Amino acid sequence: MNWIDLDQEYLMNTYHRLPITIEKGEGNYLIDEAQNSYLDLFTGLAVNILGHSHPYLLKKLEEQAHQFLHISNVFLNKPAITLAQRLIEQSIEGKVFFANSGAEAAEASVKLIHKWKKQQSEIKNGIVVLENSFHGRTLGSIQLTRQAGIYQDFPAADYPVFETNAHDLEALEKMFQEKKPAALLMEPVLGSGGIMPLSKAFLEGAEKLCRHYNVLFCIDEIQTGMGRTGALFAYQHTAVKPDIILFAKGIGGGLPLGGLIAKTGLDTLFEPGDHGTTFGPSPLSAALGNAVLDVLLDQHGLEYGRENADYLWSQLEDLKNRSAGKVTEIRGKGMMLGILLKADEKEVKSMQQKLLRRGFMVNVTQGTIIRLLPPLTLKKLEADSFVQALEEEMSVLTGGVEI
C-alpha cells in the first residue's frame, strides 16, 4: 500500500512530511514498515520526552483504560485533580486549567489576561511578545507568534500585540511605559525561532519590570517544560516566579494534553462558562501526565536526563572544536539544541535527508539550524553514533553562507 499517495489524497497539505511510514516506536527509536530503525532526535516536536513505549507509561495507560477513557468535566476527575496538585507543588501557588494542546493553553491565557486587565484601575491593553517567538497557530494565538510565514494575512483577534527584542531590557521598559500592556509572554528558549535561550539576566530583569509596571509575567513552557532543559520548567534555572505558566507537549507522555497554571489571585478569575473544553483533560492523558511526573521526579528521570544531555553537549562541543569552522555554534539548553552550520538552506536540508537515510531523525528550523529535541533517555552510545554520522556528513559541506 502506498501510504505517501494516500496521505496526499486524503489529508490536507499542512505539513512537509518526511517520506517514511512509521509502524511502531521502541525506546528511543522509531521503526518504519520496512523495519528500518531511526534514532528519534525529533521526539514528536518535544512530546516524547521519555522515548517510545516506556514500560511504566504503558502500565499506567492500561490501568486507566480499564477504568474509563472519558467522562464529562462536570464530574470529578481523580487523575486530573492529582496531576494539578502535583504541578502546583512543583511550580507556583495557584490553580490549573487543562486543555489539549499548547495553542489552546495560549488561547486560555489571552482570555485570562483579558479578565485580569478589566479589573485594573489603570488602563491596560495588549500583550508583549518577543521577536521570532512561537505560541500557536489558532486565530487567537497566531498574533502572539512572530514569524511572518505563519501569521500571514489571516483574520486577527481584536487585541493588540507588541513585539520587542529578546535581549533589550531598555526597549522592554520603554514599551511598558508607552504601550501600557497587560502582560508579557515569553518562551525561556525560543524553539521554532532558532533555539535561542534567553539569558538569566534578561528573564530576571523582565520580571522586575513587570512588577514595577504592573504587567503580568507569563512564561510559555510548552516546549521547554517537563525536564527538557534540565529542570522541570525552564524558568526554574532562574529566580523568577511567573504569574502564568503555559504547558503542553511532554506532559502528556504522547497523548494530547496542555494547559496553564495561574498564580493565586488570577486563579479565581475564570467562572463557570468563561472557558472550557470537552476533553480538558482526558482522564487517559492525565493518568499519563502523572506517570511522566512519576518517572521524572520519583524515578530519577530528571537527573538521568541531565546526565545524558551533558554528555551529548560535550560530544557536540568536541565536534565543533575539530570541525574547522563548519559548526559555527551549538546553542540551547539541556535536551533542546540548535546546531548552526556554515552552510546554506539547501545543504542543511540535504544533510537532514542523508541523516534520515542513515537512521537519524533530526528537525530543521529557520532554514539552516539543525534542531535536536532528544528524549531524556538518550544513551551515550546513541549520542556517539549520531555525532559520528553528523561529522561524516559534514565533511562534504561546501561552505554555504555563514550564519
Protein backbone atom coordinates (compact mmCIF):
# COMPACT_ATOMS: atom_id res chain seq x y z
CA MET A 1 0.00 0.00 0.00
CA ASN A 2 1.38 3.41 -0.97
CA TRP A 3 0.84 5.46 2.17
CA ILE A 4 2.51 8.54 0.69
CA ASP A 5 -0.03 8.72 -2.15
CA LEU A 6 -2.94 8.05 0.24
CA ASP A 7 -1.67 10.79 2.55
CA GLN A 8 -1.60 13.24 -0.33
CA GLU A 9 -5.07 12.21 -1.49
CA TYR A 10 -6.93 12.30 1.84
CA LEU A 11 -5.10 14.64 4.25
CA MET A 12 -4.86 18.40 3.90
CA ASN A 13 -1.38 19.51 2.95
CA THR A 14 -0.45 21.43 6.12
CA TYR A 15 2.92 19.74 6.77
CA HIS A 16 6.00 18.81 4.76
CA ARG A 17 6.25 15.13 5.66
CA LEU A 18 9.36 13.01 5.62
CA PRO A 19 8.93 10.06 3.23
CA ILE A 20 8.67 7.27 5.79
CA THR A 21 5.73 5.38 7.28
CA ILE A 22 6.13 4.57 10.97
CA GLU A 23 4.96 1.17 12.20
CA LYS A 24 6.00 1.35 15.86
CA GLY A 25 8.19 3.03 18.44
CA GLU A 26 10.55 1.28 20.83
CA GLY A 27 12.68 3.11 23.37
CA ASN A 28 14.48 5.94 21.60
CA TYR A 29 13.76 4.57 18.13
CA LEU A 30 11.00 4.69 15.52
CA ILE A 31 10.63 1.74 13.15
CA ASP A 32 9.15 2.01 9.67
CA GLU A 33 7.12 -0.55 7.72
CA ALA A 34 10.32 -1.93 6.15
CA GLN A 35 11.69 -2.49 9.69
CA ASN A 36 14.30 0.25 9.41
CA SER A 37 15.11 1.84 12.78
CA TYR A 38 15.63 5.58 13.31
CA LEU A 39 17.08 7.22 16.39
CA ASP A 40 14.39 9.77 17.21
CA LEU A 41 16.05 13.13 17.95
CA PHE A 42 12.79 14.81 16.93
CA THR A 43 10.52 13.25 19.61
CA GLY A 44 7.28 14.40 18.01
CA LEU A 45 8.42 18.03 18.38
CA ALA A 46 9.34 17.74 22.06
CA VAL A 47 6.43 15.45 23.04
CA ASN A 48 8.05 12.04 23.62
CA ILE A 49 10.26 13.19 26.48
CA LEU A 50 10.71 9.59 27.70
CA GLY A 51 11.02 7.98 24.28
CA HIS A 52 8.51 5.50 22.91
CA SER A 53 6.57 2.69 24.59
CA HIS A 54 8.06 3.45 28.00
CA PRO A 55 7.03 0.41 30.09
CA TYR A 56 5.88 2.45 33.09
CA LEU A 57 3.76 4.75 30.93
CA LEU A 58 2.21 1.76 29.15
CA LYS A 59 1.38 0.18 32.50
CA LYS A 60 -0.39 3.32 33.72
CA LEU A 61 -2.11 3.76 30.37
CA GLU A 62 -3.56 0.24 30.58
CA GLU A 63 -4.65 0.73 34.18
CA GLN A 64 -6.59 3.89 33.33
CA ALA A 65 -8.02 2.42 30.12
CA HIS A 66 -9.60 -0.38 32.16
CA GLN A 67 -11.28 2.19 34.41
CA PHE A 68 -12.68 4.73 31.91
CA LEU A 69 -11.45 6.59 28.85
CA HIS A 70 -13.59 9.71 29.11
CA ILE A 71 -16.01 11.39 31.48
CA SER A 72 -17.62 14.79 31.27
CA ASN A 73 -15.77 17.55 33.07
CA VAL A 74 -18.89 18.16 35.16
CA PHE A 75 -17.74 15.14 37.21
CA LEU A 76 -14.71 14.94 39.49
CA ASN A 77 -11.72 13.61 37.56
CA LYS A 78 -9.27 11.97 40.01
CA PRO A 79 -6.28 11.73 37.61
CA ALA A 80 -6.71 15.41 36.68
CA ILE A 81 -7.02 16.58 40.29
CA THR A 82 -3.92 14.61 41.25
CA LEU A 83 -1.93 15.97 38.31
CA ALA A 84 -2.99 19.56 39.01
CA GLN A 85 -1.94 19.26 42.65
CA ARG A 86 1.48 17.92 41.66
CA LEU A 87 2.05 20.64 39.05
CA ILE A 88 1.22 23.30 41.62
CA GLU A 89 3.57 21.72 44.16
CA GLN A 90 6.36 21.82 41.56
CA SER A 91 5.79 25.39 40.34
CA ILE A 92 3.72 28.27 41.77
CA GLU A 93 0.81 28.50 44.19
CA GLY A 94 -2.46 28.75 42.29
CA LYS A 95 -4.67 26.57 40.13
CA VAL A 96 -4.53 24.69 36.82
CA PHE A 97 -6.70 24.90 33.73
CA PHE A 98 -6.34 21.84 31.50
CA ALA A 99 -6.72 21.82 27.71
CA ASN A 100 -5.50 19.58 24.89
CA SER A 101 -2.60 21.49 23.31
CA GLY A 102 -0.19 24.35 23.56
CA ALA A 103 -2.22 26.57 21.26
CA GLU A 104 -5.25 26.05 23.50
CA ALA A 105 -3.14 26.97 26.51
CA ALA A 106 -2.17 30.20 24.76
CA GLU A 107 -5.81 30.89 23.92
CA ALA A 108 -6.79 30.39 27.56
CA SER A 109 -4.04 32.76 28.67
CA VAL A 110 -5.32 35.51 26.38
CA LYS A 111 -8.79 35.23 27.93
CA LEU A 112 -7.41 35.13 31.47
CA ILE A 113 -5.21 38.19 30.83
CA HIS A 114 -8.28 39.99 29.46
CA LYS A 115 -10.27 39.16 32.62
CA TRP A 116 -7.42 40.48 34.77
CA LYS A 117 -6.91 43.74 32.88
CA LYS A 118 -10.60 44.62 33.21
CA GLN A 119 -10.13 44.64 36.99
CA GLN A 120 -7.24 47.10 36.94
CA SER A 121 -7.78 50.74 37.92
CA GLU A 122 -5.33 51.90 35.24
CA ILE A 123 -5.79 51.37 31.50
CA LYS A 124 -4.08 48.14 30.41
CA ASN A 125 -4.30 46.54 26.98
CA GLY A 126 -2.37 44.08 24.87
CA ILE A 127 0.41 41.54 25.26
CA VAL A 128 4.14 41.97 24.66
CA VAL A 129 5.95 39.07 22.94
CA LEU A 130 9.46 38.56 21.59
CA GLU A 131 10.71 38.65 18.03
CA ASN A 132 10.66 35.17 16.40
CA SER A 133 8.50 33.75 19.19
CA PHE A 134 6.04 30.90 18.64
CA HIS A 135 2.87 30.48 20.71
CA GLY A 136 0.49 28.66 18.36
CA ARG A 137 -1.36 28.83 15.04
CA THR A 138 -5.02 29.25 16.08
CA LEU A 139 -6.63 32.62 15.33
CA GLY A 140 -6.38 33.71 18.95
CA SER A 141 -2.75 32.70 19.40
CA ILE A 142 -1.41 33.37 15.92
CA GLN A 143 -0.85 37.08 16.69
CA LEU A 144 1.43 36.02 19.55
CA THR A 145 3.56 34.05 17.08
CA ARG A 146 6.01 36.45 15.48
CA GLN A 147 7.03 34.55 12.36
CA ALA A 148 5.83 36.03 9.09
CA GLY A 149 5.37 32.72 7.30
CA ILE A 150 2.91 31.60 9.96
CA TYR A 151 0.64 34.54 10.70
CA GLN A 152 0.31 35.73 7.10
CA ASP A 153 -3.00 37.56 6.49
CA PHE A 154 -5.49 35.51 8.48
CA PRO A 155 -8.19 37.43 10.39
CA ALA A 156 -6.81 38.95 13.59
CA ALA A 157 -8.36 38.68 17.03
CA ASP A 158 -9.17 42.11 18.41
CA TYR A 159 -6.37 42.65 20.91
CA PRO A 160 -3.04 44.43 20.40
CA VAL A 161 0.27 42.58 20.37
CA PHE A 162 3.59 44.39 20.77
CA GLU A 163 6.87 42.88 19.62
CA THR A 164 10.26 43.52 21.23
CA ASN A 165 13.82 42.21 21.15
CA ALA A 166 14.73 39.18 23.24
CA HIS A 167 17.75 40.82 24.88
CA ASP A 168 16.95 44.52 25.30
CA LEU A 169 15.59 45.45 28.73
CA GLU A 170 15.67 49.16 27.93
CA ALA A 171 13.43 48.63 24.89
CA LEU A 172 11.11 46.48 27.00
CA GLU A 173 10.81 49.18 29.67
CA LYS A 174 10.11 51.83 27.04
CA MET A 175 7.36 49.64 25.62
CA PHE A 176 5.83 49.22 29.07
CA GLN A 177 5.86 52.99 29.54
CA GLU A 178 4.40 53.86 26.14
CA LYS A 179 2.01 50.99 25.38
CA LYS A 180 0.85 50.09 28.91
CA PRO A 181 0.36 46.39 28.10
CA ALA A 182 -1.43 43.94 30.36
CA ALA A 183 1.09 41.10 30.02
CA LEU A 184 4.47 39.91 28.79
CA LEU A 185 4.63 36.38 27.34
CA MET A 186 7.99 34.69 26.66
CA GLU A 187 9.50 31.30 25.87
CA PRO A 188 12.59 30.74 28.08
CA VAL A 189 14.19 29.23 24.98
CA LEU A 190 12.81 30.35 21.62
CA GLY A 191 12.19 26.98 19.95
CA SER A 192 10.81 27.48 16.47
CA GLY A 193 12.61 30.83 16.50
CA GLY A 194 16.01 29.12 16.29
CA ILE A 195 16.76 27.53 19.70
CA MET A 196 17.61 30.87 21.29
CA PRO A 197 17.87 30.70 25.11
CA LEU A 198 17.02 33.86 27.00
CA SER A 199 19.69 34.93 29.47
CA LYS A 200 19.14 34.69 33.21
CA ALA A 201 19.72 38.44 33.40
CA PHE A 202 17.04 39.17 30.81
CA LEU A 203 14.44 36.88 32.41
CA GLU A 204 15.04 38.27 35.89
CA GLY A 205 15.22 41.85 34.62
CA ALA A 206 11.98 41.41 32.66
CA GLU A 207 10.21 40.11 35.78
CA LYS A 208 11.36 43.14 37.77
CA LEU A 209 9.99 45.46 35.09
CA CYS A 210 6.70 43.56 35.12
CA ARG A 211 6.41 44.02 38.88
CA HIS A 212 7.26 47.73 38.66
CA TYR A 213 4.79 48.50 35.86
CA ASN A 214 2.02 46.11 36.99
CA VAL A 215 2.33 43.81 33.96
CA LEU A 216 1.59 40.08 34.17
CA PHE A 217 4.75 37.99 33.78
CA CYS A 218 3.84 34.93 31.69
CA ILE A 219 6.13 32.07 30.69
CA ASP A 220 5.47 29.68 27.80
CA GLU A 221 6.89 26.30 28.84
CA ILE A 222 5.08 24.33 26.14
CA GLN A 223 8.32 23.12 24.54
CA THR A 224 10.77 23.73 27.39
CA GLY A 225 8.77 22.05 30.16
CA MET A 226 8.86 18.56 31.67
CA GLY A 227 12.60 18.37 32.15
CA ARG A 228 13.69 19.21 28.62
CA THR A 229 16.15 21.87 29.80
CA GLY A 230 17.29 20.02 32.93
CA ALA A 231 14.69 21.45 35.33
CA LEU A 232 11.02 20.54 35.36
CA PHE A 233 10.30 24.01 33.98
CA ALA A 234 12.99 26.10 32.29
CA TYR A 235 12.20 29.24 34.31
CA GLN A 236 13.43 27.33 37.38
CA HIS A 237 17.02 27.88 36.27
CA THR A 238 16.44 31.48 37.42
CA ALA A 239 14.93 33.24 40.45
CA VAL A 240 11.74 34.37 38.66
CA LYS A 241 8.18 33.49 39.71
CA PRO A 242 5.72 33.63 36.80
CA ASP A 243 2.14 34.77 37.10
CA ILE A 244 1.02 32.35 34.37
CA ILE A 245 2.79 29.23 33.08
CA LEU A 246 1.76 27.58 29.81
CA PHE A 247 2.48 23.85 29.41
CA ALA A 248 1.80 21.05 26.89
CA LYS A 249 3.78 18.61 24.72
CA GLY A 250 5.89 16.48 27.11
CA ILE A 251 3.38 16.46 29.98
CA GLY A 252 1.00 14.02 28.23
CA GLY A 253 3.53 11.26 27.66
CA GLY A 254 2.49 11.13 23.99
CA LEU A 255 -1.21 11.94 24.37
CA PRO A 256 -2.73 15.41 23.80
CA LEU A 257 -2.55 17.46 27.00
CA GLY A 258 -1.86 21.11 27.72
CA GLY A 259 -2.98 23.94 29.91
CA LEU A 260 -1.89 26.76 32.13
CA ILE A 261 -1.03 27.36 35.77
CA ALA A 262 -2.33 30.66 37.16
CA LYS A 263 -0.95 32.10 40.37
CA THR A 264 -3.09 32.81 43.42
CA GLY A 265 -5.16 35.89 42.67
CA LEU A 266 -5.51 35.04 38.98
CA ASP A 267 -6.76 31.52 39.62
CA THR A 268 -10.29 32.61 40.53
CA LEU A 269 -10.91 34.90 37.55
CA PHE A 270 -12.48 32.20 35.38
CA GLU A 271 -16.04 31.40 36.39
CA PRO A 272 -18.24 28.56 35.07
CA GLY A 273 -18.96 29.27 31.41
CA ASP A 274 -15.99 31.62 30.89
CA HIS A 275 -13.88 28.90 29.32
CA GLY A 276 -13.83 25.15 28.85
CA THR A 277 -13.11 22.17 26.64
CA THR A 278 -14.78 18.77 26.29
CA PHE A 279 -11.54 16.84 26.69
CA GLY A 280 -9.83 19.09 29.23
CA PRO A 281 -8.29 16.87 30.36
CA SER A 282 -8.86 13.36 29.13
CA PRO A 283 -8.52 11.01 32.13
CA LEU A 284 -6.19 8.94 29.96
CA SER A 285 -3.93 11.94 29.25
CA ALA A 286 -4.00 12.99 32.91
CA ALA A 287 -3.04 9.48 34.00
CA LEU A 288 -0.07 9.60 31.62
CA GLY A 289 0.80 13.07 32.92
CA ASN A 290 1.03 11.62 36.42
CA ALA A 291 3.15 8.77 35.07
CA VAL A 292 5.54 11.25 33.41
CA LEU A 293 5.96 13.06 36.73
CA ASP A 294 6.48 9.73 38.50
CA VAL A 295 9.38 8.92 36.17
CA LEU A 296 10.89 12.41 36.26
CA LEU A 297 10.54 13.16 39.97
CA ASP A 298 10.34 9.81 41.77
CA GLN A 299 12.33 7.52 39.48
CA HIS A 300 15.26 9.93 38.92
CA GLY A 301 14.38 10.60 35.28
CA LEU A 302 15.22 14.27 35.63
CA GLU A 303 18.73 13.60 36.91
CA TYR A 304 19.28 10.90 34.30
CA GLY A 305 18.17 13.31 31.59
CA ARG A 306 20.60 15.99 32.81
CA GLU A 307 23.48 13.50 32.71
CA ASN A 308 22.56 12.38 29.19
CA ALA A 309 22.22 15.98 28.00
CA ASP A 310 25.60 16.94 29.47
CA TYR A 311 27.22 14.06 27.59
CA LEU A 312 25.58 14.98 24.27
CA TRP A 313 26.66 18.62 24.71
CA SER A 314 30.25 17.59 25.43
CA GLN A 315 30.39 15.42 22.30
CA LEU A 316 28.91 18.15 20.12
CA GLU A 317 31.27 20.78 21.52
CA ASP A 318 34.20 18.47 20.75
CA LEU A 319 32.85 18.10 17.22
CA LYS A 320 32.60 21.87 16.87
CA ASN A 321 36.22 22.28 18.00
CA ARG A 322 37.51 19.89 15.36
CA SER A 323 35.11 20.94 12.57
CA ALA A 324 37.42 23.55 11.05
CA GLY A 325 34.69 26.17 11.33
CA LYS A 326 31.92 24.10 9.75
CA VAL A 327 30.00 24.12 13.03
CA THR A 328 29.70 27.77 13.99
CA GLU A 329 27.66 27.40 17.19
CA ILE A 330 25.92 24.92 19.47
CA ARG A 331 23.17 26.64 21.42
CA GLY A 332 20.17 25.83 23.56
CA LYS A 333 19.76 24.18 26.95
CA GLY A 334 19.56 20.57 28.09
CA MET A 335 17.89 18.33 25.53
CA MET A 336 16.97 21.29 23.35
CA LEU A 337 19.82 22.07 20.97
CA GLY A 338 20.43 24.05 17.82
CA ILE A 339 23.43 23.19 15.63
CA LEU A 340 24.44 26.11 13.41
CA LEU A 341 26.45 25.11 10.37
CA LYS A 342 28.45 27.08 7.84
CA ALA A 343 26.00 26.04 5.15
CA ASP A 344 23.03 27.29 3.17
CA GLU A 345 19.44 26.06 3.38
CA LYS A 346 19.82 23.59 0.52
CA GLU A 347 22.86 21.95 2.12
CA VAL A 348 21.22 21.71 5.55
CA LYS A 349 18.06 20.18 4.07
CA SER A 350 20.20 17.69 2.17
CA MET A 351 22.04 16.81 5.39
CA GLN A 352 18.73 16.18 7.14
CA GLN A 353 17.76 13.71 4.39
CA LYS A 354 21.16 12.00 4.48
CA LEU A 355 20.98 11.60 8.25
CA LEU A 356 17.50 10.15 7.88
CA ARG A 357 18.79 7.55 5.42
CA ARG A 358 21.45 6.66 7.98
CA GLY A 359 18.82 6.19 10.69
CA PHE A 360 18.78 9.56 12.49
CA MET A 361 15.70 11.78 12.67
CA VAL A 362 16.51 15.47 13.11
CA ASN A 363 14.47 18.62 12.56
CA VAL A 364 15.50 21.84 10.79
CA THR A 365 14.27 25.25 11.94
CA GLN A 366 14.79 28.73 10.50
CA GLY A 367 16.03 27.04 7.33
CA THR A 368 19.63 26.46 8.41
CA ILE A 369 19.59 25.27 12.02
CA ILE A 370 19.56 21.56 12.86
CA ARG A 371 17.17 21.32 15.81
CA LEU A 372 17.62 18.43 18.23
CA LEU A 373 14.90 17.58 20.74
CA PRO A 374 16.18 14.22 22.01
CA PRO A 375 14.44 12.15 24.68
CA LEU A 376 15.85 12.42 28.19
CA THR A 377 16.54 8.69 27.88
CA LEU A 378 19.15 9.16 25.12
CA LYS A 379 22.06 6.78 25.77
CA LYS A 380 25.73 7.63 25.42
CA LEU A 381 26.26 5.13 22.60
CA GLU A 382 23.30 6.65 20.75
CA ALA A 383 24.74 10.14 21.17
CA ASP A 384 28.11 8.90 19.93
CA SER A 385 26.61 7.28 16.84
CA PHE A 386 24.73 10.46 15.93
CA VAL A 387 27.75 12.73 16.39
CA GLN A 388 29.87 10.39 14.25
CA ALA A 389 27.26 10.36 11.47
CA LEU A 390 26.92 14.15 11.62
CA GLU A 391 30.67 14.59 11.37
CA GLU A 392 30.90 12.28 8.37
CA GLU A 393 28.08 14.09 6.56
CA MET A 394 29.61 17.48 7.38
CA SER A 395 32.76 16.52 5.53
CA VAL A 396 31.08 17.22 2.19
CA LEU A 397 29.81 20.70 3.11
CA THR A 398 30.95 23.28 0.59
CA GLY A 399 30.70 26.25 2.91
CA GLY A 400 27.43 27.97 2.08
CA VAL A 401 26.75 31.20 3.91
CA GLU A 402 27.92 31.58 7.48
CA ILE A 403 25.08 32.24 9.94
